[in-house]
Amino acid sequence: MHGRLKVKTSEEQAEAKRLEREQKLKLYQSATQTVFQKRQAGELDESVLELTSQILGANPDFATLWNCRREVLQQLEAQKSPEELAALVKAELGFLESCLRVNPKSYGTWHHRCWLLGRLPEPNWARELELCARFLEVDERNFHCWDYRRFVAAQAAVPPAEELAFTDSLITRNFSNYSSWHYRSCLLPQLHPQPDFGPQGRLPEDVLLKELELVQNAFFTDPNDQSAWFYHRWLLGRADPQDALRCLHVSRDEACLTVSFSRPLLVGSGTLLLMVDESPLAVEWRTPDGRNRPSHVWLCDLPAASLNDQLPQHTFRVIWTAGDAQKECVLLKGRQETWCRDSATDQQLFRCELSVEKSTVLQSELESCKELQELEPENKWCLLTIILLMRALDPLLYEKETLQYFQTLKAVDPMRAAYLDDLRSKFLLENSVLKMEYAELLLVTHLDLSHNRLRALPPALAALRCLEVLQANDNAIESLDGVTNLPRLQELSLCNNRLQQPPALQPLASCPRLVLLNLQGNPLGQAVGISEHLAQLLPSVSSILT
């Protein structure tokens, strides 16, 4: 038995580890208490650096201790010679690297390194870029390191082309690198600015085609990785439509002027100017729902003098100062309303999500995705991309095929069935608007939202100032909060929904012209005395079917 080491039993090992942990905890607590005492006493010297090093070396996420180190370093800057300070900074940088090896995703450590480098007169940015590259080799999705790299690249004025080449190297090594794809989306608009389309405008066609080829290689290599699919969607959804004043509508009956825009905005003082017969008119602008938050539609009340039917005509001009645009329409004698709109952009109402230089590029992408879908019939990313591509190319032409792909996608990805139902309903609603004579929402008079699995009617309905007939049958509607202040609504059909109690119909009282309400197939129709109750709730509605 002599000369042989005694092997500890599991109980002895566990007890030894317990004692070791207790000892480390005592040292940790003692060092922390000492640091706090010194900080409170104002004794911010190099001993605090030593004590905090012991703690942060084991736990780099102790944010308060990083604050202590910064306070100490700020004091020592005024006390040390340049040579001593340089040695201190070198030691601090080395210590930070050791902390990052303990936890490469430590917020406090990366922040402290930014702070330290930002105070140096001549930082070695090349070394910092090399440090980032080393850590990204270990974990290419370390977003803390990516944030630090962007900081370093900005401070060192690294050309975007060099950073793009760096992302090339990482993506080539591993297509499943979401951070690299995202960084490309930040760099490419800098390399290829398109002033007409803003800082996040579309890419030149030659660059776009090159990127599409790269990303196609990625998702054909690994179709189930989401990184490349997200980047592909970014490429095809580049340019939002330019800001525009889309439509102007004047109603003599309602003594109201309504304006619609290409995007939701907040109308403030001086944003919109109204000229009536070439004279400025001071008005108060409001949203249809009265909440005065960013909205596509804004309206104002018109004084009787601006609608005098004794004159041959009135000219209304709205000037959008922020968007440098204006529209004008003429209300003739004897006419109750007038409007003007951009008919050329009717088909672009709902196509901001995916847009690209030419439809031939989209068509090529669609064909490629369909080829991949034949090879990978249950790939959800491919199926969703096909739907969005068809949506961008021609929503009405591909409507039937799109619905078929939705069914396939729901079977493949049942966990997101509710999201897909919502997206499907959204597309069907948009298609119904596009099929109308006037696709401009402000001018819609008839709308059918039936069979869309809606639980509530959307608040956006308040913008439909000309809506006369609304059908929302066979949904799951429980609330009518979206149907408020519709000045022309006459008929509303809500058959086979889930309206439970009469108070749910209270918003309809704000629709002054409503005369026909169909509630057949709703639970509230079974209540005793429901007809009398509804007659009291909605006295102006002459026909209520339950």
Protein backbone atom coordinates (compact mmCIF):
# COMPACT_ATOMS: atom_id res chain seq x y z
CA MET A 1 0.00 0.00 0.00
CA HIS A 2 3.01 2.29 0.40
CA GLY A 3 3.52 4.85 -2.36
CA ARG A 4 -0.13 4.82 -3.45
CA LEU A 5 -2.25 7.98 -3.23
CA LYS A 6 -5.44 7.70 -1.27
CA VAL A 7 -8.48 8.25 -3.52
CA LYS A 8 -11.07 10.45 -1.82
CA THR A 9 -14.58 9.14 -1.57
CA SER A 10 -17.46 11.14 -3.10
CA GLU A 11 -18.54 12.35 0.36
CA GLU A 12 -15.04 13.64 1.07
CA GLN A 13 -14.90 15.38 -2.30
CA ALA A 14 -18.27 17.03 -1.75
CA GLU A 15 -17.23 18.24 1.70
CA ALA A 16 -13.94 19.60 0.36
CA LYS A 17 -15.76 21.52 -2.37
CA ARG A 18 -18.22 22.87 0.18
CA LEU A 19 -15.41 24.15 2.39
CA GLU A 20 -13.67 25.66 -0.63
CA ARG A 21 -16.84 27.48 -1.67
CA GLU A 22 -17.36 28.79 1.85
CA GLN A 23 -13.80 30.10 1.94
CA LYS A 24 -14.20 31.83 -1.43
CA LEU A 25 -17.50 33.34 -0.34
CA LYS A 26 -15.94 34.74 2.84
CA LEU A 27 -13.10 36.29 0.85
CA TYR A 28 -15.59 37.67 -1.71
CA GLN A 29 -17.81 39.21 0.95
CA SER A 30 -14.83 40.59 2.88
CA ALA A 31 -13.32 42.21 -0.21
CA THR A 32 -16.67 43.68 -1.25
CA GLN A 33 -17.27 45.14 2.21
CA THR A 34 -13.79 46.66 2.25
CA VAL A 35 -14.31 48.28 -1.16
CA PHE A 36 -17.58 49.85 -0.08
CA GLN A 37 -16.03 51.14 3.13
CA LYS A 38 -13.11 52.69 1.26
CA ARG A 39 -15.43 54.24 -1.30
CA GLN A 40 -17.61 55.75 1.42
CA ALA A 41 -14.53 57.14 3.15
CA GLY A 42 -13.24 58.62 -0.12
CA GLU A 43 -10.13 56.40 -0.10
CA LEU A 44 -10.03 55.77 -3.85
CA ASP A 45 -6.47 54.53 -4.26
CA GLU A 46 -4.73 51.64 -5.99
CA SER A 47 -5.71 49.24 -3.20
CA VAL A 48 -9.30 49.57 -4.43
CA LEU A 49 -8.14 48.49 -7.89
CA GLU A 50 -6.54 45.42 -6.36
CA LEU A 51 -9.61 44.53 -4.29
CA THR A 52 -12.06 45.01 -7.17
CA SER A 53 -9.77 42.94 -9.41
CA GLN A 54 -10.14 40.00 -7.05
CA ILE A 55 -13.93 40.21 -7.22
CA LEU A 56 -14.43 41.15 -10.88
CA GLY A 57 -11.96 38.53 -11.98
CA ALA A 58 -14.44 35.93 -10.73
CA ASN A 59 -17.67 37.85 -11.38
CA PRO A 60 -17.31 40.51 -14.11
CA ASP A 61 -21.00 41.46 -13.91
CA PHE A 62 -20.73 43.38 -10.62
CA ALA A 63 -21.64 46.79 -12.12
CA THR A 64 -21.03 48.85 -8.95
CA LEU A 65 -17.42 47.73 -8.77
CA TRP A 66 -16.78 48.86 -12.35
CA ASN A 67 -18.06 52.27 -11.26
CA CYS A 68 -15.55 52.19 -8.37
CA ARG A 69 -12.68 51.39 -10.74
CA ARG A 70 -13.63 54.31 -12.99
CA GLU A 71 -13.67 56.65 -10.00
CA VAL A 72 -10.21 55.44 -8.95
CA LEU A 73 -8.79 55.75 -12.47
CA GLN A 74 -10.13 59.29 -12.80
CA GLN A 75 -8.34 60.29 -9.60
CA LEU A 76 -5.12 58.57 -10.58
CA GLU A 77 -5.07 60.40 -13.93
CA ALA A 78 -4.24 63.60 -12.08
CA GLN A 79 -1.68 61.97 -9.78
CA LYS A 80 0.39 59.78 -12.08
CA SER A 81 3.12 60.71 -14.51
CA PRO A 82 2.46 59.95 -18.20
CA GLU A 83 4.71 56.87 -18.01
CA GLU A 84 3.00 55.54 -14.88
CA LEU A 85 -0.42 56.24 -16.35
CA ALA A 86 0.47 54.37 -19.55
CA ALA A 87 1.55 51.34 -17.51
CA LEU A 88 -1.69 51.54 -15.51
CA VAL A 89 -3.82 51.65 -18.66
CA LYS A 90 -1.91 48.71 -20.15
CA ALA A 91 -2.54 46.70 -17.02
CA GLU A 92 -6.22 47.69 -17.04
CA LEU A 93 -6.63 46.54 -20.65
CA GLY A 94 -5.00 43.23 -19.80
CA PHE A 95 -7.28 42.80 -16.82
CA LEU A 96 -10.32 43.48 -18.99
CA GLU A 97 -9.26 40.77 -21.42
CA SER A 98 -9.00 38.28 -18.57
CA CYS A 99 -12.53 39.27 -17.44
CA LEU A 100 -13.84 38.75 -20.97
CA ARG A 101 -12.32 35.29 -21.02
CA VAL A 102 -14.36 34.54 -17.87
CA ASN A 103 -17.55 35.99 -19.42
CA PRO A 104 -17.36 37.16 -23.05
CA LYS A 105 -20.88 38.60 -22.75
CA SER A 106 -20.32 40.82 -19.75
CA TYR A 107 -22.06 44.16 -20.24
CA GLY A 108 -19.94 45.85 -17.58
CA THR A 109 -16.61 44.69 -19.02
CA TRP A 110 -17.31 45.81 -22.60
CA HIS A 111 -18.70 49.13 -21.36
CA HIS A 112 -15.65 49.72 -19.19
CA ARG A 113 -13.38 49.03 -22.17
CA CYS A 114 -15.30 51.60 -24.25
CA TRP A 115 -14.94 54.12 -21.45
CA LEU A 116 -11.21 53.47 -21.05
CA LEU A 117 -10.39 53.63 -24.76
CA GLY A 118 -12.44 56.80 -25.11
CA ARG A 119 -10.17 58.58 -22.59
CA LEU A 120 -6.88 57.65 -24.22
CA PRO A 121 -5.17 60.27 -26.41
CA GLU A 122 -4.01 57.71 -29.01
CA PRO A 123 -5.80 54.37 -28.64
CA ASN A 124 -4.55 51.38 -30.57
CA TRP A 125 -7.73 50.79 -32.55
CA ALA A 126 -6.11 48.19 -34.81
CA ARG A 127 -5.44 46.02 -31.77
CA GLU A 128 -9.04 46.46 -30.63
CA LEU A 129 -10.32 45.27 -34.01
CA GLU A 130 -8.05 42.26 -33.72
CA LEU A 131 -9.42 41.59 -30.24
CA CYS A 132 -12.98 41.66 -31.61
CA ALA A 133 -12.05 39.26 -34.38
CA ARG A 134 -10.61 36.81 -31.84
CA PHE A 135 -13.71 36.84 -29.68
CA LEU A 136 -15.99 36.51 -32.71
CA GLU A 137 -14.05 33.43 -33.76
CA VAL A 138 -15.08 31.87 -30.47
CA ASP A 139 -18.72 33.05 -30.67
CA GLU A 140 -19.76 34.73 -33.91
CA ARG A 141 -23.15 35.71 -32.42
CA ASN A 142 -21.73 37.57 -29.42
CA PHE A 143 -23.72 40.77 -29.89
CA HIS A 144 -21.81 42.50 -27.07
CA CYS A 145 -18.65 42.08 -29.11
CA TRP A 146 -20.43 43.21 -32.29
CA ASP A 147 -21.57 46.38 -30.53
CA TYR A 148 -18.01 47.01 -29.37
CA ARG A 149 -16.68 46.41 -32.89
CA ARG A 150 -19.10 48.99 -34.30
CA PHE A 151 -17.89 51.42 -31.63
CA VAL A 152 -14.25 50.78 -32.52
CA ALA A 153 -14.90 51.00 -36.27
CA ALA A 154 -16.64 54.35 -35.81
CA GLN A 155 -13.88 55.76 -33.58
CA ALA A 156 -11.14 54.55 -35.91
CA ALA A 157 -13.03 55.72 -39.03
CA VAL A 158 -12.72 52.27 -40.59
CA PRO A 159 -14.07 52.43 -44.18
CA PRO A 160 -17.40 50.61 -44.51
CA ALA A 161 -15.91 48.58 -47.37
CA GLU A 162 -13.38 47.03 -44.99
CA GLU A 163 -16.07 46.14 -42.47
CA LEU A 164 -18.19 44.66 -45.25
CA ALA A 165 -15.22 42.49 -46.26
CA PHE A 166 -14.99 41.35 -42.63
CA THR A 167 -18.63 40.23 -42.70
CA ASP A 168 -17.88 38.43 -45.98
CA SER A 169 -15.23 36.35 -44.28
CA LEU A 170 -17.52 35.36 -41.40
CA ILE A 171 -20.53 34.59 -43.58
CA THR A 172 -18.43 32.52 -45.97
CA ARG A 173 -17.21 30.50 -43.00
CA ASN A 174 -20.70 30.04 -41.57
CA PHE A 175 -23.94 31.17 -43.21
CA SER A 176 -25.73 30.90 -39.87
CA ASN A 177 -24.40 34.21 -38.63
CA TYR A 178 -27.30 36.56 -38.00
CA SER A 179 -25.09 39.32 -36.60
CA SER A 180 -22.97 39.44 -39.76
CA TRP A 181 -26.03 39.60 -41.98
CA HIS A 182 -27.43 42.41 -39.84
CA TYR A 183 -24.14 44.32 -39.99
CA ARG A 184 -24.28 44.10 -43.80
CA SER A 185 -27.70 45.74 -43.75
CA CYS A 186 -26.14 48.67 -41.87
CA LEU A 187 -23.05 48.95 -44.09
CA LEU A 188 -24.52 48.64 -47.58
CA PRO A 189 -26.66 51.82 -47.43
CA GLN A 190 -23.50 53.69 -46.34
CA LEU A 191 -21.53 52.29 -49.27
CA HIS A 192 -24.28 52.86 -51.80
CA PRO A 193 -26.37 55.82 -50.66
CA GLN A 194 -29.49 56.62 -52.66
CA PRO A 195 -30.47 60.20 -51.70
CA ASP A 196 -33.90 59.98 -53.32
CA PHE A 197 -34.92 57.19 -50.96
CA GLY A 198 -33.51 58.36 -47.64
CA PRO A 199 -30.83 56.80 -45.39
CA GLN A 200 -32.50 53.38 -45.57
CA GLY A 201 -33.43 53.54 -49.26
CA ARG A 202 -33.15 50.80 -51.82
CA LEU A 203 -29.84 49.48 -53.15
CA PRO A 204 -28.58 49.94 -56.72
CA GLU A 205 -29.74 47.04 -58.85
CA ASP A 206 -26.26 45.59 -59.50
CA VAL A 207 -25.51 45.53 -55.75
CA LEU A 208 -28.92 44.09 -55.00
CA LEU A 209 -28.46 41.25 -57.48
CA LYS A 210 -25.08 40.41 -55.98
CA GLU A 211 -26.53 40.30 -52.47
CA LEU A 212 -29.44 38.17 -53.63
CA GLU A 213 -27.02 35.67 -55.12
CA LEU A 214 -25.08 35.53 -51.85
CA VAL A 215 -28.16 35.03 -49.69
CA GLN A 216 -29.59 32.43 -52.07
CA ASN A 217 -26.43 30.38 -51.63
CA ALA A 218 -27.01 30.62 -47.89
CA PHE A 219 -30.57 29.38 -47.74
CA PHE A 220 -30.03 26.72 -50.38
CA THR A 221 -27.14 25.49 -48.23
CA ASP A 222 -29.08 25.54 -44.95
CA PRO A 223 -32.79 26.16 -45.65
CA ASN A 224 -33.80 25.82 -41.99
CA ASP A 225 -31.56 28.57 -40.66
CA GLN A 226 -33.50 31.80 -40.24
CA SER A 227 -30.56 34.23 -40.51
CA ALA A 228 -30.36 34.30 -44.31
CA TRP A 229 -34.16 34.39 -44.69
CA PHE A 230 -34.40 37.52 -42.56
CA TYR A 231 -31.67 39.19 -44.60
CA HIS A 232 -33.39 38.13 -47.82
CA ARG A 233 -36.61 39.76 -46.60
CA TRP A 234 -34.66 42.93 -45.78
CA LEU A 235 -33.25 43.03 -49.31
CA LEU A 236 -36.68 42.74 -50.87
CA GLY A 237 -38.30 45.21 -48.51
CA ARG A 238 -35.91 48.07 -48.93
CA ALA A 239 -37.68 51.23 -50.02
CA ASP A 240 -40.76 52.63 -48.37
CA PRO A 241 -42.88 54.85 -50.59
CA GLN A 242 -42.09 58.51 -50.46
CA ASP A 243 -44.15 60.66 -48.11
CA ALA A 244 -47.24 61.94 -49.87
CA LEU A 245 -50.47 63.78 -49.28
CA ARG A 246 -52.68 61.11 -50.85
CA CYS A 247 -56.24 62.39 -50.83
CA LEU A 248 -58.35 65.44 -50.01
CA HIS A 249 -62.11 65.19 -49.36
CA VAL A 250 -64.64 67.95 -48.67
CA SER A 251 -68.21 67.28 -47.48
CA ARG A 252 -70.82 70.01 -47.44
CA ASP A 253 -73.29 67.90 -45.42
CA GLU A 254 -70.80 67.25 -42.62
CA ALA A 255 -69.09 70.65 -42.96
CA CYS A 256 -65.82 68.80 -42.84
CA LEU A 257 -62.54 68.58 -44.75
CA THR A 258 -60.49 65.37 -44.50
CA VAL A 259 -56.90 64.69 -45.53
CA SER A 260 -55.14 61.32 -45.84
CA PHE A 261 -51.39 60.69 -45.91
CA SER A 262 -49.13 57.87 -47.04
CA ARG A 263 -48.03 57.17 -43.46
CA PRO A 264 -49.26 57.91 -39.93
CA LEU A 265 -48.12 61.29 -38.70
CA LEU A 266 -48.84 63.79 -35.98
CA VAL A 267 -50.22 67.08 -37.27
CA GLY A 268 -48.94 69.95 -35.18
CA SER A 269 -49.06 73.71 -35.39
CA GLY A 270 -48.12 74.81 -38.89
CA THR A 271 -47.92 71.27 -40.30
CA LEU A 272 -51.05 71.70 -42.43
CA LEU A 273 -52.23 75.00 -43.92
CA LEU A 274 -55.75 75.35 -45.33
CA MET A 275 -56.52 77.87 -48.04
CA VAL A 276 -60.16 78.51 -49.00
CA ASP A 277 -60.63 80.59 -52.12
CA GLU A 278 -56.98 81.67 -51.83
CA SER A 279 -57.42 82.95 -48.27
CA PRO A 280 -55.86 81.19 -45.27
CA LEU A 281 -58.35 79.66 -42.85
CA ALA A 282 -57.48 78.93 -39.22
CA VAL A 283 -58.84 75.49 -38.27
CA GLU A 284 -58.30 72.85 -35.59
CA TRP A 285 -57.10 69.51 -36.94
CA ARG A 286 -58.10 66.25 -35.24
CA THR A 287 -58.08 62.50 -35.89
CA PRO A 288 -61.34 60.62 -36.62
CA ASP A 289 -61.20 58.86 -33.25
CA GLY A 290 -60.41 62.09 -31.40
CA ARG A 291 -57.22 60.76 -29.80
CA ASN A 292 -54.90 63.01 -31.77
CA ARG A 293 -52.07 60.53 -32.08
CA PRO A 294 -50.15 59.68 -35.30
CA SER A 295 -52.73 58.82 -37.95
CA HIS A 296 -53.11 58.42 -41.70
CA VAL A 297 -56.22 60.61 -41.62
CA TRP A 298 -56.81 64.07 -40.18
CA LEU A 299 -59.89 66.28 -40.45
CA CYS A 300 -61.17 69.71 -39.53
CA ASP A 301 -64.56 71.43 -39.27
CA LEU A 302 -65.37 74.04 -41.92
CA PRO A 303 -67.22 77.28 -41.15
CA ALA A 304 -70.49 77.90 -42.94
CA ALA A 305 -69.01 80.79 -44.94
CA SER A 306 -66.59 78.42 -46.71
CA LEU A 307 -69.53 76.24 -47.84
CA ASN A 308 -71.91 78.98 -48.98
CA ASP A 309 -74.05 77.41 -51.73
CA GLN A 310 -74.86 80.80 -53.23
CA LEU A 311 -71.43 81.06 -54.81
CA PRO A 312 -70.55 79.16 -58.01
CA GLN A 313 -67.72 77.29 -56.35
CA HIS A 314 -65.25 77.11 -53.48
CA THR A 315 -61.61 76.14 -53.92
CA PHE A 316 -59.94 74.24 -51.08
CA ARG A 317 -56.18 73.84 -50.98
CA VAL A 318 -54.25 71.99 -48.27
CA ILE A 319 -50.51 72.64 -48.00
CA TRP A 320 -48.42 70.05 -46.14
CA THR A 321 -45.41 72.08 -45.07
CA ALA A 322 -43.46 69.18 -43.58
CA GLY A 323 -43.80 67.07 -46.73
CA ASP A 324 -43.53 69.95 -49.20
CA ALA A 325 -46.77 68.89 -50.91
CA GLN A 326 -50.22 70.27 -51.54
CA LYS A 327 -53.59 69.27 -52.98
CA GLU A 328 -56.51 71.27 -54.28
CA CYS A 329 -60.14 70.46 -55.03
CA VAL A 330 -63.16 72.53 -56.09
CA LEU A 331 -66.63 72.23 -54.56
CA LEU A 332 -69.17 73.33 -57.16
CA LYS A 333 -72.53 74.88 -56.44
CA GLY A 334 -75.13 72.18 -55.89
CA ARG A 335 -72.57 69.48 -55.13
CA GLN A 336 -72.47 67.94 -51.64
CA GLU A 337 -68.89 66.70 -51.80
CA THR A 338 -65.69 66.75 -53.77
CA TRP A 339 -62.30 65.10 -53.63
CA CYS A 340 -58.94 64.67 -55.34
CA ARG A 341 -56.56 61.74 -55.06
CA ASP A 342 -53.42 60.15 -56.54
CA SER A 343 -55.02 57.46 -58.70
CA ALA A 344 -51.61 56.37 -60.00
CA THR A 345 -50.59 55.17 -56.53
CA ASP A 346 -53.80 53.27 -55.68
CA GLN A 347 -52.10 49.94 -56.27
CA GLN A 348 -49.22 50.88 -53.95
CA LEU A 349 -51.40 51.27 -50.87
CA PHE A 350 -50.31 48.03 -49.22
CA ARG A 351 -47.02 47.20 -50.91
CA CYS A 352 -44.45 48.94 -48.74
CA GLU A 353 -43.32 45.74 -47.06
CA LEU A 354 -41.63 44.32 -50.17
CA SER A 355 -40.41 46.53 -52.98
CA VAL A 356 -37.46 46.21 -55.35
CA GLU A 357 -35.95 47.80 -58.42
CA LYS A 358 -37.81 45.77 -61.02
CA SER A 359 -40.50 43.10 -60.99
CA THR A 360 -38.22 40.79 -63.00
CA VAL A 361 -35.95 40.49 -59.97
CA LEU A 362 -38.90 39.60 -57.76
CA GLN A 363 -40.10 37.08 -60.29
CA SER A 364 -36.69 35.44 -60.39
CA GLU A 365 -36.66 35.24 -56.59
CA LEU A 366 -40.11 33.69 -56.58
CA GLU A 367 -39.05 31.00 -59.04
CA SER A 368 -35.93 30.22 -56.99
CA CYS A 369 -37.96 29.90 -53.79
CA LYS A 370 -40.47 27.62 -55.47
CA GLU A 371 -37.62 25.39 -56.65
CA LEU A 372 -36.31 25.23 -53.09
CA GLN A 373 -39.81 24.52 -51.76
CA GLU A 374 -40.02 21.47 -54.01
CA LEU A 375 -36.83 20.20 -52.38
CA GLU A 376 -37.85 21.31 -48.88
CA PRO A 377 -41.67 21.10 -48.84
CA GLU A 378 -41.92 21.71 -45.08
CA ASN A 379 -39.58 24.67 -44.82
CA LYS A 380 -41.64 27.43 -43.17
CA TRP A 381 -39.24 30.24 -44.08
CA CYS A 382 -39.41 29.34 -47.74
CA LEU A 383 -43.21 29.16 -47.70
CA LEU A 384 -43.57 32.53 -45.97
CA THR A 385 -41.11 34.14 -48.40
CA ILE A 386 -43.09 32.80 -51.36
CA ILE A 387 -46.25 34.38 -49.93
CA LEU A 388 -44.55 37.74 -49.44
CA LEU A 389 -42.99 37.67 -52.91
CA MET A 390 -46.33 36.99 -54.55
CA ARG A 391 -47.78 39.76 -52.43
CA ALA A 392 -45.16 42.17 -53.74
CA LEU A 393 -45.51 41.14 -57.37
CA ASP A 394 -49.28 41.26 -57.75
CA PRO A 395 -51.57 40.67 -54.74
CA LEU A 396 -54.69 40.18 -56.85
CA LEU A 397 -53.16 37.98 -59.53
CA TYR A 398 -51.67 35.63 -56.91
CA GLU A 399 -54.58 35.81 -54.43
CA LYS A 400 -55.82 32.23 -54.89
CA GLU A 401 -52.31 30.77 -54.89
CA THR A 402 -51.40 32.80 -51.81
CA LEU A 403 -54.33 31.34 -49.87
CA GLN A 404 -53.19 27.83 -50.81
CA TYR A 405 -49.70 28.56 -49.52
CA PHE A 406 -51.20 29.87 -46.28
CA GLN A 407 -52.93 26.52 -45.76
CA THR A 408 -49.67 24.65 -46.36
CA LEU A 409 -47.74 26.96 -44.04
CA LYS A 410 -50.26 26.56 -41.21
CA ALA A 411 -49.95 22.78 -41.48
CA VAL A 412 -46.14 23.04 -41.38
CA ASP A 413 -46.00 25.65 -38.58
CA PRO A 414 -49.08 25.15 -36.33
CA MET A 415 -47.43 27.03 -33.44
CA ARG A 416 -47.89 30.27 -35.41
CA ALA A 417 -51.36 29.54 -36.72
CA ALA A 418 -52.85 32.65 -35.05
CA TYR A 419 -50.19 34.92 -36.58
CA LEU A 420 -50.75 33.37 -40.00
CA ASP A 421 -54.52 33.78 -39.68
CA ASP A 422 -54.00 37.42 -38.83
CA LEU A 423 -51.66 37.94 -41.79
CA ARG A 424 -54.09 36.15 -44.10
CA SER A 425 -56.97 38.35 -42.91
CA LYS A 426 -54.86 41.45 -43.41
CA PHE A 427 -54.08 40.48 -47.01
CA LEU A 428 -57.71 39.62 -47.79
CA LEU A 429 -58.88 42.97 -46.41
CA GLU A 430 -56.29 44.82 -48.47
CA ASN A 431 -57.30 42.88 -51.58
CA SER A 432 -60.94 43.78 -51.08
CA VAL A 433 -59.95 47.46 -51.00
CA LEU A 434 -57.76 47.11 -54.10
CA LYS A 435 -60.69 45.60 -56.01
CA MET A 436 -62.78 48.71 -55.44
CA GLU A 437 -63.20 51.46 -58.00
CA TYR A 438 -61.35 53.84 -55.70
CA ALA A 439 -58.62 52.09 -53.73
CA GLU A 440 -58.07 55.21 -51.64
CA LEU A 441 -59.36 54.18 -48.20
CA LEU A 442 -60.78 57.59 -47.43
CA LEU A 443 -63.28 57.21 -50.29
CA VAL A 444 -64.40 53.60 -49.64
CA THR A 445 -68.20 53.30 -49.42
CA HIS A 446 -68.73 49.50 -49.14
CA LEU A 447 -66.51 47.09 -47.23
CA ASP A 448 -66.83 43.35 -46.57
CA LEU A 449 -64.75 41.91 -43.70
CA SER A 450 -66.62 38.61 -43.43
CA HIS A 451 -64.90 35.25 -42.80
CA ASN A 452 -61.71 36.78 -41.38
CA ARG A 453 -61.70 35.39 -37.81
CA LEU A 454 -61.71 38.92 -36.41
CA ARG A 455 -62.23 39.29 -32.67
CA ALA A 456 -62.77 43.05 -32.91
CA LEU A 457 -63.23 45.56 -35.67
CA PRO A 458 -60.03 47.52 -36.29
CA PRO A 459 -59.80 51.13 -35.04
CA ALA A 460 -58.61 52.11 -38.52
CA LEU A 461 -62.26 51.95 -39.63
CA ALA A 462 -62.70 55.41 -38.12
CA ALA A 463 -60.71 56.75 -41.09
CA LEU A 464 -63.35 55.55 -43.58
CA ARG A 465 -65.31 58.79 -43.66
CA CYS A 466 -67.38 57.77 -46.71
CA LEU A 467 -68.22 54.24 -45.56
CA GLU A 468 -71.94 53.47 -46.01
CA VAL A 469 -72.19 49.67 -45.85
CA LEU A 470 -70.06 47.40 -43.65
CA GLN A 471 -70.32 43.61 -43.57
CA ALA A 472 -68.42 41.65 -40.92
CA ASN A 473 -70.30 38.35 -40.81
CA ASP A 474 -68.93 35.00 -39.64
CA ASN A 475 -66.09 36.28 -37.50
CA ALA A 476 -65.48 36.08 -33.74
CA ILE A 477 -66.21 39.71 -32.93
CA GLU A 478 -66.81 40.52 -29.27
CA SER A 479 -66.25 44.30 -29.36
CA LEU A 480 -67.36 47.14 -31.65
CA ASP A 481 -64.95 49.78 -30.37
CA GLY A 482 -63.60 50.20 -33.93
CA VAL A 483 -67.00 51.41 -35.23
CA THR A 484 -67.09 54.94 -33.87
CA ASN A 485 -67.90 58.30 -35.45
CA LEU A 486 -68.58 56.94 -38.94
CA PRO A 487 -70.69 59.82 -40.29
CA ARG A 488 -72.17 57.97 -43.31
CA LEU A 489 -72.56 54.40 -42.09
CA GLN A 490 -76.10 53.25 -42.91
CA GLU A 491 -75.98 49.44 -42.87
CA LEU A 492 -73.98 47.16 -40.59
CA SER A 493 -74.17 43.35 -40.75
CA LEU A 494 -72.64 41.35 -37.88
CA CYS A 495 -74.21 37.92 -38.34
CA ASN A 496 -72.69 34.90 -36.59
CA ASN A 497 -70.27 36.64 -34.24
CA ARG A 498 -69.77 36.52 -30.45
CA LEU A 499 -71.49 39.67 -29.23
CA GLN A 500 -72.69 38.79 -25.73
CA GLN A 501 -74.21 41.87 -24.09
CA PRO A 502 -76.04 44.95 -25.41
CA PRO A 503 -73.45 47.40 -23.97
CA ALA A 504 -71.01 46.06 -26.58
CA LEU A 505 -73.13 47.93 -29.16
CA GLN A 506 -72.76 51.31 -27.44
CA PRO A 507 -70.15 52.62 -29.97
CA LEU A 508 -72.79 52.41 -32.70
CA ALA A 509 -74.63 55.31 -31.08
CA SER A 510 -71.92 57.60 -32.49
CA CYS A 511 -72.92 56.73 -36.09
CA PRO A 512 -75.76 59.21 -36.83
CA ARG A 513 -77.02 57.67 -40.11
CA LEU A 514 -77.11 54.00 -39.09
CA VAL A 515 -80.58 52.60 -39.92
CA LEU A 516 -80.06 48.84 -40.46
CA LEU A 517 -78.27 46.53 -37.99
CA ASN A 518 -78.18 42.75 -38.48
CA LEU A 519 -77.17 40.80 -35.36
CA GLN A 520 -78.53 37.37 -36.26
CA GLY A 521 -76.52 34.45 -34.93
CA ASN A 522 -75.02 36.33 -31.95
CA PRO A 523 -75.48 35.17 -28.32
CA LEU A 524 -77.10 38.47 -27.28
CA GLY A 525 -80.06 37.66 -29.55
CA GLN A 526 -81.18 35.01 -27.05
CA ALA A 527 -81.55 37.46 -24.14
CA VAL A 528 -85.07 38.19 -22.84
CA GLY A 529 -86.37 41.58 -23.93
CA ILE A 530 -83.38 42.23 -26.17
CA SER A 531 -85.40 44.07 -28.83
CA GLU A 532 -86.67 46.66 -26.33
CA HIS A 533 -83.22 47.05 -24.82
CA LEU A 534 -81.61 47.67 -28.21
CA ALA A 535 -84.35 50.10 -29.20
CA GLN A 536 -83.49 52.19 -26.13
CA LEU A 537 -79.75 51.89 -26.72
CA LEU A 538 -79.92 52.77 -30.43
CA PRO A 539 -83.12 54.82 -30.94
CA SER A 540 -82.10 56.11 -34.39
CA VAL A 541 -81.64 52.60 -35.86
CA SER A 542 -84.98 51.78 -37.47
CA SER A 543 -84.32 48.10 -38.24
CA ILE A 544 -82.49 45.74 -35.87
CA LEU A 545 -82.47 42.03 -36.73
CA THR A 546 -81.68 39.59 -33.92
